[in-house]
Amino acid sequence: MDPVNRLRTLEIRAHTEIRADHEFAFAARAGKKHGMDFHDLDGTGETRSVVTLFPVRVVATDLGS
């Protein structure tokens, strides 16, 4: 839902692939891009995963037009 216009929505249906990020490689790349260290957000013993979306259906609706 668009926070500016509640009559506009975007629905994405997708298949997913979930992979463990044991070495925190993806988290390190994303943290570098955003200028932060995501390890600061991790609790003791927590791990990270990489979730990839493969869209199969996209529906955009604008009832305000």
PDB file of N, CA and C in Angstrom:
ATOM      1  N   MET A   1       0.847  -1.163   0.000  1.00  0.00           N
ATOM      2  CA  MET A   1       0.000   0.000   0.000  1.00  0.00           C
ATOM      3  C   MET A   1       0.901   1.236   0.000  1.00  0.00           C
ATOM      4  N   ASP A   2       0.544   2.186  -0.830  1.00  0.00           N
ATOM      5  CA  ASP A   2       1.272   3.442  -0.901  1.00  0.00           C
ATOM      6  C   ASP A   2       0.898   4.288   0.317  1.00  0.00           C
ATOM      7  N   PRO A   3       1.869   4.696   1.145  1.00  0.00           N
ATOM      8  CA  PRO A   3       1.536   5.470   2.341  1.00  0.00           C
ATOM      9  C   PRO A   3       0.990   6.855   2.021  1.00  0.00           C
ATOM     10  N   VAL A   4       1.233   7.349   0.814  1.00  0.00           N
ATOM     11  CA  VAL A   4       0.727   8.665   0.421  1.00  0.00           C
ATOM     12  C   VAL A   4      -0.686   8.563  -0.141  1.00  0.00           C
ATOM     13  N   ASN A   5      -0.974   7.486  -0.875  1.00  0.00           N
ATOM     14  CA  ASN A   5      -2.290   7.296  -1.478  1.00  0.00           C
ATOM     15  C   ASN A   5      -2.726   5.856  -1.215  1.00  0.00           C
ATOM     16  N   ARG A   6      -3.617   5.675  -0.255  1.00  0.00           N
ATOM     17  CA  ARG A   6      -4.041   4.333   0.161  1.00  0.00           C
ATOM     18  C   ARG A   6      -4.825   3.591  -0.918  1.00  0.00           C
ATOM     19  N   LEU A   7      -5.167   4.265  -2.015  1.00  0.00           N
ATOM     20  CA  LEU A   7      -5.874   3.616  -3.111  1.00  0.00           C
ATOM     21  C   LEU A   7      -4.917   2.991  -4.127  1.00  0.00           C
ATOM     22  N   ARG A   8      -3.619   3.138  -3.898  1.00  0.00           N
ATOM     23  CA  ARG A   8      -2.616   2.526  -4.775  1.00  0.00           C
ATOM     24  C   ARG A   8      -1.936   1.395  -4.014  1.00  0.00           C
ATOM     25  N   THR A   9      -1.904   0.224  -4.644  1.00  0.00           N
ATOM     26  CA  THR A   9      -1.267  -0.933  -4.025  1.00  0.00           C
ATOM     27  C   THR A   9      -0.393  -1.659  -5.044  1.00  0.00           C
ATOM     28  N   LEU A  10       0.515  -2.439  -4.539  1.00  0.00           N
ATOM     29  CA  LEU A  10       1.354  -3.286  -5.364  1.00  0.00           C
ATOM     30  C   LEU A  10       1.419  -4.647  -4.693  1.00  0.00           C
ATOM     31  N   GLU A  11       1.004  -5.677  -5.413  1.00  0.00           N
ATOM     32  CA  GLU A  11       1.044  -7.043  -4.899  1.00  0.00           C
ATOM     33  C   GLU A  11       2.058  -7.829  -5.722  1.00  0.00           C
ATOM     34  N   ILE A  12       2.984  -8.473  -5.056  1.00  0.00           N
ATOM     35  CA  ILE A  12       3.971  -9.292  -5.743  1.00  0.00           C
ATOM     36  C   ILE A  12       3.907 -10.694  -5.159  1.00  0.00           C
ATOM     37  N   ARG A  13       3.595 -11.661  -6.014  1.00  0.00           N
ATOM     38  CA  ARG A  13       3.609 -13.069  -5.605  1.00  0.00           C
ATOM     39  C   ARG A  13       4.894 -13.667  -6.162  1.00  0.00           C
ATOM     40  N   ALA A  14       5.592 -14.430  -5.350  1.00  0.00           N
ATOM     41  CA  ALA A  14       6.895 -14.921  -5.786  1.00  0.00           C
ATOM     42  C   ALA A  14       7.238 -16.259  -5.157  1.00  0.00           C
ATOM     43  N   HIS A  15       8.073 -16.997  -5.863  1.00  0.00           N
ATOM     44  CA  HIS A  15       8.730 -18.162  -5.283  1.00  0.00           C
ATOM     45  C   HIS A  15       9.960 -17.631  -4.558  1.00  0.00           C
ATOM     46  N   THR A  16      10.400 -18.331  -3.541  1.00  0.00           N
ATOM     47  CA  THR A  16      11.557 -17.861  -2.779  1.00  0.00           C
ATOM     48  C   THR A  16      12.642 -18.918  -2.705  1.00  0.00           C
ATOM     49  N   GLU A  17      13.839 -18.414  -2.534  1.00  0.00           N
ATOM     50  CA  GLU A  17      14.988 -19.270  -2.259  1.00  0.00           C
ATOM     51  C   GLU A  17      15.623 -18.723  -0.978  1.00  0.00           C
ATOM     52  N   ILE A  18      15.816 -19.577   0.000  1.00  0.00           N
ATOM     53  CA  ILE A  18      16.408 -19.161   1.267  1.00  0.00           C
ATOM     54  C   ILE A  18      17.728 -19.898   1.442  1.00  0.00           C
ATOM     55  N   ARG A  19      18.801 -19.114   1.597  1.00  0.00           N
ATOM     56  CA  ARG A  19      20.134 -19.691   1.777  1.00  0.00           C
ATOM     57  C   ARG A  19      20.737 -19.139   3.061  1.00  0.00           C
ATOM     58  N   ALA A  20      21.437 -19.984   3.760  1.00  0.00           N
ATOM     59  CA  ALA A  20      22.143 -19.546   4.967  1.00  0.00           C
ATOM     60  C   ALA A  20      23.299 -18.635   4.568  1.00  0.00           C
ATOM     61  N   ASP A  21      23.549 -17.616   5.370  1.00  0.00           N
ATOM     62  CA  ASP A  21      24.673 -16.692   5.146  1.00  0.00           C
ATOM     63  C   ASP A  21      25.616 -16.831   6.340  1.00  0.00           C
ATOM     64  N   HIS A  22      26.172 -18.051   6.496  1.00  0.00           N
ATOM     65  CA  HIS A  22      27.012 -18.362   7.653  1.00  0.00           C
ATOM     66  C   HIS A  22      28.210 -17.431   7.791  1.00  0.00           C
ATOM     67  N   GLU A  23      28.794 -17.045   6.681  1.00  0.00           N
ATOM     68  CA  GLU A  23      29.983 -16.178   6.735  1.00  0.00           C
ATOM     69  C   GLU A  23      29.602 -14.693   6.766  1.00  0.00           C
ATOM     70  N   PHE A  24      28.302 -14.392   6.774  1.00  0.00           N
ATOM     71  CA  PHE A  24      27.805 -13.017   6.793  1.00  0.00           C
ATOM     72  C   PHE A  24      28.287 -12.216   5.575  1.00  0.00           C
ATOM     73  N   ALA A  25      28.519 -12.899   4.445  1.00  0.00           N
ATOM     74  CA  ALA A  25      29.017 -12.232   3.231  1.00  0.00           C
ATOM     75  C   ALA A  25      28.002 -11.224   2.689  1.00  0.00           C
ATOM     76  N   PHE A  26      26.742 -11.653   2.578  1.00  0.00           N
ATOM     77  CA  PHE A  26      25.721 -10.737   2.068  1.00  0.00           C
ATOM     78  C   PHE A  26      25.499  -9.590   3.048  1.00  0.00           C
ATOM     79  N   ALA A  27      25.457  -9.897   4.328  1.00  0.00           N
ATOM     80  CA  ALA A  27      25.269  -8.861   5.350  1.00  0.00           C
ATOM     81  C   ALA A  27      26.400  -7.842   5.300  1.00  0.00           C
ATOM     82  N   ALA A  28      27.626  -8.305   5.042  1.00  0.00           N
ATOM     83  CA  ALA A  28      28.764  -7.388   4.955  1.00  0.00           C
ATOM     84  C   ALA A  28      28.635  -6.470   3.743  1.00  0.00           C
ATOM     85  N   ARG A  29      28.227  -7.036   2.600  1.00  0.00           N
ATOM     86  CA  ARG A  29      28.050  -6.200   1.391  1.00  0.00           C
ATOM     87  C   ARG A  29      26.936  -5.182   1.591  1.00  0.00           C
ATOM     88  N   ALA A  30      25.817  -5.613   2.151  1.00  0.00           N
ATOM     89  CA  ALA A  30      24.701  -4.700   2.379  1.00  0.00           C
ATOM     90  C   ALA A  30      25.079  -3.628   3.393  1.00  0.00           C
ATOM     91  N   GLY A  31      25.796  -4.019   4.443  1.00  0.00           N
ATOM     92  CA  GLY A  31      26.234  -3.057   5.451  1.00  0.00           C
ATOM     93  C   GLY A  31      27.171  -2.020   4.868  1.00  0.00           C
ATOM     94  N   LYS A  32      28.072  -2.461   4.015  1.00  0.00           N
ATOM     95  CA  LYS A  32      29.005  -1.522   3.372  1.00  0.00           C
ATOM     96  C   LYS A  32      28.246  -0.525   2.509  1.00  0.00           C
ATOM     97  N   LYS A  33      27.261  -1.014   1.764  1.00  0.00           N
ATOM     98  CA  LYS A  33      26.447  -0.148   0.900  1.00  0.00           C
ATOM     99  C   LYS A  33      25.715   0.913   1.714  1.00  0.00           C
ATOM    100  N   HIS A  34      25.249   0.550   2.906  1.00  0.00           N
ATOM    101  CA  HIS A  34      24.444   1.457   3.725  1.00  0.00           C
ATOM    102  C   HIS A  34      25.249   2.117   4.846  1.00  0.00           C
ATOM    103  N   GLY A  35      26.566   1.897   4.845  1.00  0.00           N
ATOM    104  CA  GLY A  35      27.434   2.565   5.809  1.00  0.00           C
ATOM    105  C   GLY A  35      27.233   2.129   7.253  1.00  0.00           C
ATOM    106  N   MET A  36      26.958   0.836   7.454  1.00  0.00           N
ATOM    107  CA  MET A  36      26.799   0.358   8.825  1.00  0.00           C
ATOM    108  C   MET A  36      27.250  -1.094   8.932  1.00  0.00           C
ATOM    109  N   ASP A  37      27.456  -1.522  10.146  1.00  0.00           N
ATOM    110  CA  ASP A  37      27.850  -2.901  10.416  1.00  0.00           C
ATOM    111  C   ASP A  37      26.636  -3.628  10.980  1.00  0.00           C
ATOM    112  N   PHE A  38      26.062  -4.532  10.192  1.00  0.00           N
ATOM    113  CA  PHE A  38      24.858  -5.236  10.624  1.00  0.00           C
ATOM    114  C   PHE A  38      25.120  -6.202  11.775  1.00  0.00           C
ATOM    115  N   HIS A  39      26.385  -6.529  12.043  1.00  0.00           N
ATOM    116  CA  HIS A  39      26.695  -7.392  13.189  1.00  0.00           C
ATOM    117  C   HIS A  39      26.233  -6.741  14.502  1.00  0.00           C
ATOM    118  N   ASP A  40      26.149  -5.425  14.515  1.00  0.00           N
ATOM    119  CA  ASP A  40      25.679  -4.725  15.719  1.00  0.00           C
ATOM    120  C   ASP A  40      24.233  -5.087  16.053  1.00  0.00           C
ATOM    121  N   LEU A  41      23.478  -5.560  15.059  1.00  0.00           N
ATOM    122  CA  LEU A  41      22.063  -5.875  15.257  1.00  0.00           C
ATOM    123  C   LEU A  41      21.846  -7.340  15.642  1.00  0.00           C
ATOM    124  N   ASP A  42      22.899  -8.153  15.531  1.00  0.00           N
ATOM    125  CA  ASP A  42      22.774  -9.587  15.780  1.00  0.00           C
ATOM    126  C   ASP A  42      22.956  -9.919  17.252  1.00  0.00           C
ATOM    127  N   GLY A  43      22.076 -10.763  17.735  1.00  0.00           N
ATOM    128  CA  GLY A  43      22.209 -11.242  19.105  1.00  0.00           C
ATOM    129  C   GLY A  43      23.166 -12.426  19.164  1.00  0.00           C
ATOM    130  N   THR A  44      23.548 -12.793  20.325  1.00  0.00           N
ATOM    131  CA  THR A  44      24.448 -13.921  20.526  1.00  0.00           C
ATOM    132  C   THR A  44      23.846 -15.191  19.935  1.00  0.00           C
ATOM    133  N   GLY A  45      24.613 -15.860  19.083  1.00  0.00           N
ATOM    134  CA  GLY A  45      24.162 -17.113  18.495  1.00  0.00           C
ATOM    135  C   GLY A  45      23.213 -16.981  17.320  1.00  0.00           C
ATOM    136  N   GLU A  46      22.841 -15.772  16.948  1.00  0.00           N
ATOM    137  CA  GLU A  46      21.939 -15.592  15.815  1.00  0.00           C
ATOM    138  C   GLU A  46      22.684 -15.763  14.502  1.00  0.00           C
ATOM    139  N   THR A  47      21.975 -16.229  13.499  1.00  0.00           N
ATOM    140  CA  THR A  47      22.543 -16.377  12.162  1.00  0.00           C
ATOM    141  C   THR A  47      21.722 -15.551  11.182  1.00  0.00           C
ATOM    142  N   ARG A  48      22.238 -15.433   9.973  1.00  0.00           N
ATOM    143  CA  ARG A  48      21.538 -14.684   8.934  1.00  0.00           C
ATOM    144  C   ARG A  48      21.260 -15.573   7.743  1.00  0.00           C
ATOM    145  N   SER A  49      20.239 -15.203   6.984  1.00  0.00           N
ATOM    146  CA  SER A  49      19.883 -15.907   5.752  1.00  0.00           C
ATOM    147  C   SER A  49      19.719 -14.882   4.644  1.00  0.00           C
ATOM    148  N   VAL A  50      19.879 -15.353   3.414  1.00  0.00           N
ATOM    149  CA  VAL A  50      19.634 -14.528   2.235  1.00  0.00           C
ATOM    150  C   VAL A  50      18.359 -15.057   1.599  1.00  0.00           C
ATOM    151  N   VAL A  51      17.375 -14.191   1.414  1.00  0.00           N
ATOM    152  CA  VAL A  51      16.112 -14.578   0.801  1.00  0.00           C
ATOM    153  C   VAL A  51      16.041 -13.912  -0.571  1.00  0.00           C
ATOM    154  N   THR A  52      15.922 -14.732  -1.622  1.00  0.00           N
ATOM    155  CA  THR A  52      15.814 -14.230  -2.983  1.00  0.00           C
ATOM    156  C   THR A  52      14.392 -14.483  -3.465  1.00  0.00           C
ATOM    157  N   LEU A  53      13.764 -13.449  -4.021  1.00  0.00           N
ATOM    158  CA  LEU A  53      12.397 -13.563  -4.538  1.00  0.00           C
ATOM    159  C   LEU A  53      12.432 -13.708  -6.051  1.00  0.00           C
ATOM    160  N   PHE A  54      11.639 -14.632  -6.579  1.00  0.00           N
ATOM    161  CA  PHE A  54      11.477 -14.831  -8.013  1.00  0.00           C
ATOM    162  C   PHE A  54      10.011 -14.556  -8.348  1.00  0.00           C
ATOM    163  N   PRO A  55       9.689 -13.314  -8.745  1.00  0.00           N
ATOM    164  CA  PRO A  55       8.290 -12.938  -8.981  1.00  0.00           C
ATOM    165  C   PRO A  55       7.629 -13.803 -10.052  1.00  0.00           C
ATOM    166  N   VAL A  56       6.386 -14.197  -9.785  1.00  0.00           N
ATOM    167  CA  VAL A  56       5.589 -14.947 -10.755  1.00  0.00           C
ATOM    168  C   VAL A  56       4.332 -14.175 -11.143  1.00  0.00           C
ATOM    169  N   ARG A  57       3.977 -13.191 -10.321  1.00  0.00           N
ATOM    170  CA  ARG A  57       2.797 -12.379 -10.631  1.00  0.00           C
ATOM    171  C   ARG A  57       2.945 -11.032  -9.941  1.00  0.00           C
ATOM    172  N   VAL A  58       2.695  -9.965 -10.699  1.00  0.00           N
ATOM    173  CA  VAL A  58       2.745  -8.613 -10.156  1.00  0.00           C
ATOM    174  C   VAL A  58       1.445  -7.923 -10.520  1.00  0.00           C
ATOM    175  N   VAL A  59       0.764  -7.359  -9.515  1.00  0.00           N
ATOM    176  CA  VAL A  59      -0.494  -6.648  -9.743  1.00  0.00           C
ATOM    177  C   VAL A  59      -0.372  -5.260  -9.146  1.00  0.00           C
ATOM    178  N   ALA A  60      -0.452  -4.246 -10.014  1.00  0.00           N
ATOM    179  CA  ALA A  60      -0.425  -2.852  -9.566  1.00  0.00           C
ATOM    180  C   ALA A  60      -1.840  -2.296  -9.710  1.00  0.00           C
ATOM    181  N   THR A  61      -2.339  -1.652  -8.661  1.00  0.00           N
ATOM    182  CA  THR A  61      -3.686  -1.111  -8.673  1.00  0.00           C
ATOM    183  C   THR A  61      -3.640   0.350  -8.255  1.00  0.00           C
ATOM    184  N   ASP A  62      -4.342   1.201  -9.020  1.00  0.00           N
ATOM    185  CA  ASP A  62      -4.480   2.605  -8.662  1.00  0.00           C
ATOM    186  C   ASP A  62      -5.942   2.986  -8.835  1.00  0.00           C
ATOM    187  N   LEU A  63      -6.706   2.922  -7.740  1.00  0.00           N
ATOM    188  CA  LEU A  63      -8.132   3.215  -7.793  1.00  0.00           C
ATOM    189  C   LEU A  63      -8.422   4.713  -7.727  1.00  0.00           C
ATOM    190  N   GLY A  64      -7.376   5.513  -7.590  1.00  0.00           N
ATOM    191  CA  GLY A  64      -7.558   6.956  -7.490  1.00  0.00           C
ATOM    192  C   GLY A  64      -7.564   7.661  -8.830  1.00  0.00           C
ATOM    193  N   SER A  65      -7.280   6.944  -9.901  1.00  0.00           N
ATOM    194  CA  SER A  65      -7.217   7.584 -11.232  1.00  0.00           C
ATOM    195  C   SER A  65      -8.540   7.544 -11.917  1.00  0.00           C
TER     196      SER A  65
END
